[in-house]
Amino acid sequence: MKRTTKYIAISLATYMTLSPAVARANMNADSNVVPVSTEVTNIEKAEVQDYMNYEGKVAEIRKNGENLSIHVKEEGDEYGLIFHISEDVILLNDETKDFIDKEELKEGAIITAYYGKNTPMAMSLPGQLTPGVIVVKGSEEPSFIKVSGFNDELVSGENDLKLNISEDTVIVNKDGEKVEKENIKNKDLVVFYTISTKSIPAQTTPEKIVVIGDKKEVGNVEEVEITALDKIIIDGKEVKLLSPIYTNDEGIKMIPLRQIAEALEYQIKWSNEARSVELTKGAQWTSIVIGEDNYNFAKMIVKLGVAPEIKGSATYVPFNFLEEVLKVGVEITKEGIINIGL
């Protein structure tokens, strides 16, 4: 059986049952609006919420070379979430509504992270993901921000906000370049606004709009290929691989077992006679045999379609061994690096 796994995507709807952080994340949406008595009719209802959000305080900033991540916790949340700050993440200040640099992210800052509902998330505690937008709170005054996909009538994905663009509305793309109002339909937008009507959907004239990109279709997740073969990320730390990842004759990415398993705190035992490897970590136990597509996990046999093999002096297993056998959360970053959450 030929099976190529390019990424592991865990839907946020599923993860909500596992993490109190994500279960509460959506409760921070823009619920405080100033009512203005205006009726709106004949607006086609949009379908579903396409962005989630999580608000909390930056508890820790982690730097590893050029990689930056922030651990954010909501009050009363034991685990929080870890957000990886790539070059594609849009960083904004809610008071100035301007872009900020990642160096301005400080411990103790209050932030709101916005991410698509199909964003790949490492199934770990705390959960780990790369958001689309982070807004840093710069004022004690309440701010009104909407991040969503807007249709050709400029109605949000939740059918709760319709935009009326004026000559004073500032519209830019994520690079700060001016965008014409005709070019914001069917786009994902960050909307800064003040008052809105008391209607369904509410209407507002935005102060500023940042265009993220084309409106994402629900259920679509971009596939990302593994291109970084000499390194991985484990629990936010980059690990240089002594034996590089390679692609076998069937097109399957093969990963070096020992170094990755040891980085995940497994004990390794090699049997030269049986040509087998045992991995133990507390009560967890698994074993493999070179050349056999039989992966033992919790007294069950798991078949991955590819047998373990030896290349050079290293034992290799298929990429999906991480999720299917070791049961760790995995994503592929936009830079093509395997990112494993503990």
Protein backbone atom coordinates (compact mmCIF):
# COMPACT_ATOMS: atom_id res chain seq x y z
CA MET A 1 0.00 0.00 0.00
CA LYS A 2 1.45 3.34 -1.00
CA ARG A 3 0.72 6.03 1.50
CA THR A 4 2.26 9.49 1.47
CA THR A 5 1.59 11.72 4.45
CA LYS A 6 2.48 15.38 3.91
CA TYR A 7 1.06 16.82 7.12
CA ILE A 8 -1.09 16.02 10.12
CA ALA A 9 -3.99 18.47 10.46
CA ILE A 10 -6.07 18.31 13.62
CA SER A 11 -9.31 20.26 13.30
CA LEU A 12 -9.88 22.80 16.02
CA ALA A 13 -13.40 21.48 16.49
CA THR A 14 -11.93 18.15 17.57
CA TYR A 15 -9.24 19.75 19.69
CA MET A 16 -11.91 21.72 21.59
CA THR A 17 -12.83 18.50 23.40
CA LEU A 18 -9.22 18.10 24.56
CA SER A 19 -8.11 21.59 25.58
CA PRO A 20 -9.89 24.06 27.84
CA ALA A 21 -7.89 26.80 26.13
CA VAL A 22 -9.48 26.20 22.74
CA ALA A 23 -12.88 25.51 24.26
CA ARG A 24 -12.85 29.01 25.72
CA ALA A 25 -11.05 30.67 22.81
CA ASN A 26 -14.14 31.51 20.83
CA MET A 27 -15.85 33.19 23.79
CA ASN A 28 -13.61 36.24 23.27
CA ALA A 29 -15.17 37.28 19.96
CA ASP A 30 -16.39 40.84 19.46
CA SER A 31 -19.56 40.75 21.56
CA ASN A 32 -19.41 44.36 22.81
CA VAL A 33 -20.86 46.54 20.07
CA VAL A 34 -22.49 49.93 20.37
CA PRO A 35 -26.08 49.58 19.15
CA VAL A 36 -27.54 51.95 16.58
CA SER A 37 -31.15 51.42 15.63
CA THR A 38 -31.12 50.38 11.96
CA GLU A 39 -32.84 47.45 10.30
CA VAL A 40 -31.09 45.39 7.66
CA THR A 41 -32.95 43.04 5.35
CA ASN A 42 -32.30 40.83 2.34
CA ILE A 43 -28.74 39.96 3.34
CA GLU A 44 -27.81 36.45 2.26
CA LYS A 45 -26.77 34.45 5.30
CA ALA A 46 -23.14 33.35 5.32
CA GLU A 47 -22.30 29.84 6.42
CA VAL A 48 -19.95 29.23 9.32
CA GLN A 49 -17.33 30.74 11.54
CA ASP A 50 -14.03 30.54 9.71
CA TYR A 51 -11.68 32.06 12.32
CA MET A 52 -11.18 31.23 15.98
CA ASN A 53 -9.51 33.47 18.54
CA TYR A 54 -7.75 33.14 21.87
CA GLU A 55 -6.99 36.02 24.24
CA GLY A 56 -4.51 35.86 27.07
CA LYS A 57 -1.30 37.10 28.61
CA VAL A 58 2.14 36.26 27.20
CA ALA A 59 3.60 34.01 29.89
CA GLU A 60 6.84 33.13 28.10
CA ILE A 61 8.76 34.03 24.97
CA ARG A 62 10.88 31.28 23.44
CA LYS A 63 13.66 32.03 20.97
CA ASN A 64 15.65 29.40 19.12
CA GLY A 65 17.84 31.01 16.50
CA GLU A 66 15.48 32.77 14.13
CA ASN A 67 12.47 30.85 15.45
CA LEU A 68 10.16 32.64 17.88
CA SER A 69 7.17 31.31 19.80
CA ILE A 70 5.04 32.72 22.61
CA HIS A 71 3.24 30.79 25.35
CA VAL A 72 -0.07 32.54 26.04
CA LYS A 73 -2.36 31.80 28.98
CA GLU A 74 -5.86 33.00 29.70
CA GLU A 75 -6.57 33.66 33.37
CA GLY A 76 -7.53 30.39 35.04
CA ASP A 77 -6.21 28.31 32.12
CA GLU A 78 -3.60 25.81 33.28
CA TYR A 79 -2.11 25.06 29.85
CA GLY A 80 -2.79 27.93 27.46
CA LEU A 81 -1.56 27.77 23.87
CA ILE A 82 1.83 28.12 22.18
CA PHE A 83 1.85 30.30 19.07
CA HIS A 84 4.72 30.04 16.60
CA ILE A 85 5.49 33.45 15.09
CA SER A 86 6.52 32.93 11.48
CA GLU A 87 7.23 35.70 8.98
CA ASP A 88 3.68 35.30 7.62
CA VAL A 89 1.96 36.12 10.93
CA ILE A 90 0.38 39.59 10.87
CA LEU A 91 1.22 41.52 14.04
CA LEU A 92 -0.90 44.57 14.95
CA ASN A 93 -1.48 46.99 17.84
CA ASP A 94 -5.14 47.51 18.69
CA GLU A 95 -4.68 51.14 19.83
CA THR A 96 -2.66 52.46 16.87
CA LYS A 97 -4.05 49.89 14.42
CA ASP A 98 -0.55 49.78 12.96
CA PHE A 99 1.78 46.88 12.21
CA ILE A 100 4.38 46.01 14.84
CA ASP A 101 7.59 43.96 14.78
CA LYS A 102 7.86 40.63 16.58
CA GLU A 103 10.50 42.20 18.84
CA GLU A 104 7.65 44.22 20.37
CA LEU A 105 6.05 41.05 21.74
CA LYS A 106 6.83 41.15 25.46
CA GLU A 107 6.12 38.92 28.44
CA GLY A 108 3.08 40.20 30.28
CA ALA A 109 1.48 41.68 27.16
CA ILE A 110 -2.20 40.94 26.52
CA ILE A 111 -2.73 39.56 23.02
CA THR A 112 -5.49 38.07 20.92
CA ALA A 113 -4.47 35.43 18.39
CA TYR A 114 -6.70 34.67 15.40
CA TYR A 115 -6.38 31.47 13.38
CA GLY A 116 -8.40 29.63 10.76
CA LYS A 117 -10.62 26.82 12.05
CA ASN A 118 -8.64 24.30 9.97
CA THR A 119 -5.24 25.47 11.16
CA PRO A 120 -2.99 22.44 11.85
CA MET A 121 -2.44 22.10 15.61
CA ALA A 122 -0.02 19.90 17.49
CA MET A 123 -2.04 17.61 19.79
CA SER A 124 -0.07 18.43 22.90
CA LEU A 125 -0.62 20.23 26.18
CA PRO A 126 -0.31 23.09 25.65
CA GLY A 127 -1.48 22.99 22.05
CA GLN A 128 0.82 24.52 19.44
CA LEU A 129 -0.04 26.25 16.18
CA THR A 130 0.86 29.11 13.86
CA PRO A 131 -1.82 31.83 13.89
CA GLY A 132 -2.73 34.14 11.04
CA VAL A 133 -3.03 37.34 13.07
CA ILE A 134 -1.95 38.53 16.51
CA VAL A 135 -3.27 41.79 17.96
CA VAL A 136 -1.46 43.26 20.96
CA LYS A 137 -3.58 45.24 23.41
CA GLY A 138 -2.16 48.75 23.66
CA SER A 139 -4.93 50.49 25.58
CA GLU A 140 -7.32 49.84 28.43
CA GLU A 141 -10.14 51.08 26.22
CA PRO A 142 -12.23 48.34 24.55
CA SER A 143 -11.39 47.69 20.93
CA PHE A 144 -13.62 46.30 18.20
CA ILE A 145 -11.87 43.94 15.81
CA LYS A 146 -13.27 41.36 13.42
CA VAL A 147 -11.16 38.76 11.64
CA SER A 148 -13.13 36.74 9.12
CA GLY A 149 -13.69 35.90 5.50
CA PHE A 150 -16.06 38.38 3.86
CA ASN A 151 -18.18 37.54 0.81
CA ASP A 152 -18.94 39.66 -2.27
CA GLU A 153 -21.49 41.66 -0.23
CA LEU A 154 -18.84 42.24 2.47
CA VAL A 155 -20.72 40.10 5.00
CA SER A 156 -18.61 38.11 7.45
CA GLY A 157 -18.48 34.32 7.55
CA GLU A 158 -20.66 34.25 10.67
CA ASN A 159 -23.25 36.57 9.09
CA ASP A 160 -22.81 38.96 12.03
CA LEU A 161 -21.12 41.97 10.40
CA LYS A 162 -21.55 43.85 7.11
CA LEU A 163 -19.03 46.45 6.01
CA ASN A 164 -19.91 49.83 4.53
CA ILE A 165 -16.75 51.39 3.12
CA SER A 166 -16.30 55.16 3.25
CA GLU A 167 -13.68 57.47 1.79
CA ASP A 168 -12.06 57.63 5.24
CA THR A 169 -11.64 53.86 5.56
CA VAL A 170 -7.96 52.95 5.37
CA ILE A 171 -7.42 49.72 3.41
CA VAL A 172 -4.00 48.05 3.17
CA ASN A 173 -2.60 44.59 2.53
CA LYS A 174 -0.41 42.69 4.98
CA ASP A 175 2.64 44.54 3.62
CA GLY A 176 1.05 47.92 4.37
CA GLU A 177 0.36 48.75 0.71
CA LYS A 178 -2.86 50.52 -0.24
CA VAL A 179 -5.71 48.35 -1.56
CA GLU A 180 -8.72 49.68 -3.48
CA LYS A 181 -12.13 49.01 -1.93
CA GLU A 182 -13.21 47.08 -5.04
CA ASN A 183 -10.53 44.48 -4.25
CA ILE A 184 -11.62 43.41 -0.76
CA LYS A 185 -14.60 41.25 -1.72
CA ASN A 186 -14.26 37.51 -1.05
CA LYS A 187 -11.16 38.14 1.05
CA ASP A 188 -10.06 37.36 4.58
CA LEU A 189 -9.91 40.69 6.43
CA VAL A 190 -8.86 42.22 9.73
CA VAL A 191 -11.43 44.93 10.44
CA PHE A 192 -11.02 47.74 13.00
CA TYR A 193 -14.30 49.52 13.73
CA THR A 194 -16.14 51.50 16.40
CA ILE A 195 -19.94 51.59 16.33
CA SER A 196 -22.26 49.15 14.59
CA THR A 197 -25.97 48.91 14.05
CA LYS A 198 -28.26 46.73 16.11
CA SER A 199 -29.34 44.48 13.26
CA ILE A 200 -28.68 41.08 11.72
CA PRO A 201 -26.08 41.34 10.43
CA ALA A 202 -24.78 44.41 12.22
CA GLN A 203 -23.46 47.12 9.89
CA THR A 204 -20.38 49.22 10.45
CA THR A 205 -18.15 51.69 8.65
CA PRO A 206 -14.62 50.46 9.41
CA GLU A 207 -11.77 52.74 10.37
CA LYS A 208 -9.15 50.40 8.94
CA ILE A 209 -9.01 47.10 7.07
CA VAL A 210 -6.01 44.82 6.63
CA VAL A 211 -6.42 42.34 3.78
CA ILE A 212 -5.05 38.93 4.76
CA GLY A 213 -5.70 37.18 1.46
CA ASP A 214 -8.31 35.32 -0.55
CA LYS A 215 -11.27 34.01 1.42
CA LYS A 216 -10.54 30.42 2.47
CA GLU A 217 -13.09 27.77 1.62
CA VAL A 218 -14.29 25.83 4.65
CA GLY A 219 -12.71 22.40 4.90
CA ASN A 220 -9.69 23.19 2.75
CA VAL A 221 -6.26 22.91 4.34
CA GLU A 222 -3.17 23.77 2.37
CA GLU A 223 -0.84 20.83 1.98
CA VAL A 224 2.74 21.58 2.91
CA GLU A 225 5.60 19.39 1.73
CA ILE A 226 8.50 18.38 3.99
CA THR A 227 11.49 20.19 2.50
CA ALA A 228 13.79 20.58 5.53
CA LEU A 229 15.62 17.24 5.66
CA ASP A 230 18.34 17.99 8.19
CA LYS A 231 16.32 19.41 11.09
CA ILE A 232 13.05 19.16 12.99
CA ILE A 233 11.34 21.13 15.76
CA ILE A 234 10.44 19.40 19.03
CA ASP A 235 8.56 21.32 21.72
CA GLY A 236 9.54 24.60 20.09
CA LYS A 237 13.27 23.76 19.89
CA GLU A 238 15.09 23.12 16.64
CA VAL A 239 16.98 19.82 16.53
CA LYS A 240 19.77 19.21 13.98
CA LEU A 241 19.46 15.69 12.56
CA LEU A 242 22.65 13.63 12.40
CA SER A 243 20.96 11.33 9.87
CA PRO A 244 18.83 13.32 7.39
CA ILE A 245 15.26 12.61 6.35
CA TYR A 246 14.99 11.01 2.90
CA THR A 247 12.34 9.87 0.43
CA ASN A 248 12.17 6.14 -0.35
CA ASP A 249 11.38 4.57 -3.73
CA GLU A 250 7.64 4.77 -3.01
CA GLY A 251 7.76 8.51 -2.35
CA ILE A 252 7.41 8.13 1.43
CA LYS A 253 9.37 10.42 3.74
CA MET A 254 11.51 8.31 6.11
CA ILE A 255 12.73 9.71 9.43
CA PRO A 256 15.63 8.62 11.66
CA LEU A 257 14.16 6.76 14.62
CA ARG A 258 16.77 6.90 17.38
CA GLN A 259 17.51 10.63 17.50
CA ILE A 260 13.87 11.65 17.28
CA ALA A 261 12.70 9.03 19.81
CA GLU A 262 15.42 10.03 22.28
CA ALA A 263 14.48 13.70 21.86
CA LEU A 264 10.93 12.61 22.78
CA GLU A 265 12.41 11.04 25.94
CA TYR A 266 12.06 7.40 24.90
CA GLN A 267 14.55 4.72 26.00
CA ILE A 268 15.90 2.75 23.04
CA LYS A 269 16.90 -0.94 23.06
CA TRP A 270 18.33 -2.56 19.93
CA SER A 271 18.42 -6.34 19.44
CA ASN A 272 21.04 -7.31 16.89
CA GLU A 273 19.82 -10.93 16.80
CA ALA A 274 16.15 -10.09 16.21
CA ARG A 275 16.96 -6.90 14.23
CA SER A 276 14.37 -5.14 16.33
CA VAL A 277 14.04 -1.93 18.33
CA GLU A 278 12.08 -1.44 21.54
CA LEU A 279 10.98 2.03 22.69
CA THR A 280 9.84 2.65 26.26
CA LYS A 281 8.68 5.80 28.02
CA GLY A 282 7.08 5.19 31.38
CA ALA A 283 4.14 2.86 30.73
CA GLN A 284 4.35 3.38 26.95
CA TRP A 285 5.97 0.62 24.93
CA THR A 286 6.35 -0.06 21.24
CA SER A 287 8.59 -2.21 19.09
CA ILE A 288 9.56 -2.55 15.43
CA VAL A 289 11.35 -5.16 13.36
CA ILE A 290 13.49 -4.17 10.40
CA GLY A 291 11.83 -5.18 7.13
CA GLU A 292 8.42 -5.92 8.67
CA ASP A 293 5.37 -3.67 8.38
CA ASN A 294 4.21 -4.65 11.87
CA TYR A 295 4.48 -1.87 14.44
CA ASN A 296 3.61 -3.00 17.96
CA PHE A 297 1.80 -0.44 20.09
CA ALA A 298 -0.12 -1.19 23.31
CA LYS A 299 -0.25 -4.89 22.40
CA MET A 300 -1.76 -4.07 18.99
CA ILE A 301 -0.28 -4.37 15.51
CA VAL A 302 -0.30 -1.17 13.46
CA LYS A 303 0.43 -1.35 9.73
CA LEU A 304 1.75 1.80 8.06
CA GLY A 305 2.25 0.47 4.55
CA VAL A 306 6.04 0.82 4.81
CA ALA A 307 8.48 -1.33 6.79
CA PRO A 308 11.32 0.07 8.91
CA GLU A 309 14.70 -0.05 7.19
CA ILE A 310 18.35 0.62 7.86
CA LYS A 311 20.17 3.25 5.82
CA GLY A 312 23.81 3.75 6.60
CA SER A 313 23.97 3.02 10.31
CA ALA A 314 20.57 4.51 11.18
CA THR A 315 17.14 2.92 11.57
CA TYR A 316 14.39 4.70 9.65
CA VAL A 317 10.60 4.59 9.96
CA PRO A 318 7.92 6.30 7.84
CA PHE A 319 6.85 9.83 8.80
CA ASN A 320 3.37 8.70 9.86
CA PHE A 321 4.97 6.54 12.60
CA LEU A 322 4.96 9.70 14.75
CA GLU A 323 1.21 10.13 14.78
CA GLU A 324 -0.02 6.58 14.19
CA VAL A 325 2.29 4.79 16.65
CA LEU A 326 3.87 7.30 19.03
CA LYS A 327 0.63 9.32 19.13
CA VAL A 328 2.32 12.72 19.11
CA GLY A 329 0.92 15.83 17.45
CA VAL A 330 2.67 16.83 14.25
CA GLU A 331 2.47 19.68 11.78
CA ILE A 332 4.59 20.82 8.87
CA THR A 333 5.51 24.49 9.11
CA LYS A 334 5.31 26.76 6.09
CA GLU A 335 9.09 26.47 5.92
CA GLY A 336 8.71 22.70 5.39
CA ILE A 337 10.00 21.68 8.83
CA ILE A 338 8.47 18.84 10.86
CA ASN A 339 7.14 20.34 14.09
CA ILE A 340 6.44 17.86 16.91
CA GLY A 341 4.58 18.85 20.06
CA LEU A 342 5.16 16.97 23.30
